[in-house]
Amino acid sequence: MSFSLEFFVVLWVVRDARDRGRIPCFDFGFLVLVGFPLSVAWYLFSTRGWRGLIILGVFVALYLIPWLCAAALWIFISILWE
């Protein structure tokens, strides 16, 4: 479960590359998974230019939202119990 977001982002990159006809090699999904954060940023920038940074920001937000909600809830509960 801890790598599910990364896995689905890689699946999205592979599917998007196939839809655009930009699959550079047979093991493209494996290569994206091996170099995960940098390869996704590279792919988004190479296919969409600077607009790819918006999508990258959405992916980062999806990654951080659960952590930020848990931290906010922990702070709220710790203040409430004191």
C-alpha atoms as a PDB file:
ATOM      1  CA  MET A   1       0.000   0.000   0.000  1.00  0.00           C
ATOM      2  CA  SER A   2       2.841   2.419   0.644  1.00  0.00           C
ATOM      3  CA  PHE A   3       3.882   2.436  -3.023  1.00  0.00           C
ATOM      4  CA  SER A   4       0.408   2.497  -4.543  1.00  0.00           C
ATOM      5  CA  LEU A   5       0.487   6.178  -5.516  1.00  0.00           C
ATOM      6  CA  GLU A   6       3.858   5.767  -7.210  1.00  0.00           C
ATOM      7  CA  PHE A   7       2.632   2.681  -9.036  1.00  0.00           C
ATOM      8  CA  PHE A   8      -0.478   4.403 -10.356  1.00  0.00           C
ATOM      9  CA  VAL A   9       1.482   7.482 -11.418  1.00  0.00           C
ATOM     10  CA  VAL A  10       3.821   5.220 -13.406  1.00  0.00           C
ATOM     11  CA  LEU A  11       0.817   3.481 -14.970  1.00  0.00           C
ATOM     12  CA  TRP A  12      -0.588   6.886 -15.918  1.00  0.00           C
ATOM     13  CA  VAL A  13       2.730   7.911 -17.503  1.00  0.00           C
ATOM     14  CA  VAL A  14       2.878   4.705 -19.561  1.00  0.00           C
ATOM     15  CA  ARG A  15      -0.744   5.068 -20.692  1.00  0.00           C
ATOM     16  CA  ASP A  16      -0.267   8.737 -21.547  1.00  0.00           C
ATOM     17  CA  ALA A  17       2.877   7.931 -23.518  1.00  0.00           C
ATOM     18  CA  ARG A  18       1.017   5.245 -25.481  1.00  0.00           C
ATOM     19  CA  ASP A  19      -1.877   7.596 -26.228  1.00  0.00           C
ATOM     20  CA  ARG A  20       0.559  10.215 -27.517  1.00  0.00           C
ATOM     21  CA  GLY A  21       2.644   7.671 -29.455  1.00  0.00           C
ATOM     22  CA  ARG A  22       5.809   8.510 -27.509  1.00  0.00           C
ATOM     23  CA  ILE A  23       6.934   5.142 -26.100  1.00  0.00           C
ATOM     24  CA  PRO A  24      10.733   5.233 -26.523  1.00  0.00           C
ATOM     25  CA  CYS A  25      11.405   1.613 -25.554  1.00  0.00           C
ATOM     26  CA  PHE A  26       9.710  -1.636 -24.613  1.00  0.00           C
ATOM     27  CA  ASP A  27      10.505  -1.360 -20.873  1.00  0.00           C
ATOM     28  CA  PHE A  28       9.448   2.256 -20.534  1.00  0.00           C
ATOM     29  CA  GLY A  29       7.273   1.573 -17.469  1.00  0.00           C
ATOM     30  CA  PHE A  30      10.111  -0.164 -15.663  1.00  0.00           C
ATOM     31  CA  LEU A  31      12.503   2.672 -16.431  1.00  0.00           C
ATOM     32  CA  VAL A  32      10.003   5.237 -15.147  1.00  0.00           C
ATOM     33  CA  LEU A  33       9.548   3.183 -11.964  1.00  0.00           C
ATOM     34  CA  VAL A  34      13.299   2.839 -11.368  1.00  0.00           C
ATOM     35  CA  GLY A  35      13.922   6.567 -11.620  1.00  0.00           C
ATOM     36  CA  PHE A  36      10.529   7.464 -10.187  1.00  0.00           C
ATOM     37  CA  PRO A  37      10.433  11.072  -9.112  1.00  0.00           C
ATOM     38  CA  LEU A  38      12.920  12.383 -11.653  1.00  0.00           C
ATOM     39  CA  SER A  39      11.623  10.360 -14.568  1.00  0.00           C
ATOM     40  CA  VAL A  40       8.049  11.553 -14.062  1.00  0.00           C
ATOM     41  CA  ALA A  41       9.208  15.172 -13.888  1.00  0.00           C
ATOM     42  CA  TRP A  42      11.306  14.632 -17.034  1.00  0.00           C
ATOM     43  CA  TYR A  43       8.393  13.035 -18.877  1.00  0.00           C
ATOM     44  CA  LEU A  44       5.970  15.793 -17.951  1.00  0.00           C
ATOM     45  CA  PHE A  45       8.427  18.510 -18.933  1.00  0.00           C
ATOM     46  CA  SER A  46       9.421  16.830 -22.203  1.00  0.00           C
ATOM     47  CA  THR A  47       5.837  16.214 -23.353  1.00  0.00           C
ATOM     48  CA  ARG A  48       4.084  19.339 -22.094  1.00  0.00           C
ATOM     49  CA  GLY A  49       6.797  21.904 -21.518  1.00  0.00           C
ATOM     50  CA  TRP A  50       6.260  24.292 -18.645  1.00  0.00           C
ATOM     51  CA  ARG A  51       2.582  23.255 -18.382  1.00  0.00           C
ATOM     52  CA  GLY A  52       3.820  19.876 -17.170  1.00  0.00           C
ATOM     53  CA  LEU A  53       4.887  21.525 -13.930  1.00  0.00           C
ATOM     54  CA  ILE A  54       1.219  22.097 -13.113  1.00  0.00           C
ATOM     55  CA  ILE A  55       0.513  18.386 -13.410  1.00  0.00           C
ATOM     56  CA  LEU A  56       3.640  17.656 -11.400  1.00  0.00           C
ATOM     57  CA  GLY A  57       2.332  20.018  -8.721  1.00  0.00           C
ATOM     58  CA  VAL A  58      -0.945  18.097  -8.674  1.00  0.00           C
ATOM     59  CA  PHE A  59       0.949  14.820  -8.203  1.00  0.00           C
ATOM     60  CA  VAL A  60       3.006  16.322  -5.359  1.00  0.00           C
ATOM     61  CA  ALA A  61      -0.165  17.654  -3.744  1.00  0.00           C
ATOM     62  CA  LEU A  62      -1.810  14.235  -3.964  1.00  0.00           C
ATOM     63  CA  TYR A  63       1.269  12.773  -2.324  1.00  0.00           C
ATOM     64  CA  LEU A  64       1.373  15.352   0.499  1.00  0.00           C
ATOM     65  CA  ILE A  65      -2.334  15.814   1.298  1.00  0.00           C
ATOM     66  CA  PRO A  66      -2.683  12.650   3.441  1.00  0.00           C
ATOM     67  CA  TRP A  67       0.476  13.517   5.375  1.00  0.00           C
ATOM     68  CA  LEU A  68      -0.634  17.119   5.929  1.00  0.00           C
ATOM     69  CA  CYS A  69      -4.116  16.035   7.053  1.00  0.00           C
ATOM     70  CA  ALA A  70      -2.617  13.532   9.501  1.00  0.00           C
ATOM     71  CA  ALA A  71      -0.218  16.152  10.892  1.00  0.00           C
ATOM     72  CA  ALA A  72      -3.034  18.689  11.284  1.00  0.00           C
ATOM     73  CA  LEU A  73      -5.211  16.117  13.023  1.00  0.00           C
ATOM     74  CA  TRP A  74      -2.361  15.113  15.333  1.00  0.00           C
ATOM     75  CA  ILE A  75      -1.765  18.757  16.284  1.00  0.00           C
ATOM     76  CA  PHE A  76      -5.495  19.296  16.851  1.00  0.00           C
ATOM     77  CA  ILE A  77      -5.810  16.208  19.043  1.00  0.00           C
ATOM     78  CA  SER A  78      -2.667  17.010  21.020  1.00  0.00           C
ATOM     79  CA  ILE A  79      -3.977  20.541  21.722  1.00  0.00           C
ATOM     80  CA  LEU A  80      -7.394  19.169  22.627  1.00  0.00           C
ATOM     81  CA  TRP A  81      -6.015  16.618  25.139  1.00  0.00           C
ATOM     82  CA  GLU A  82      -3.782  19.115  26.992  1.00  0.00           C
END
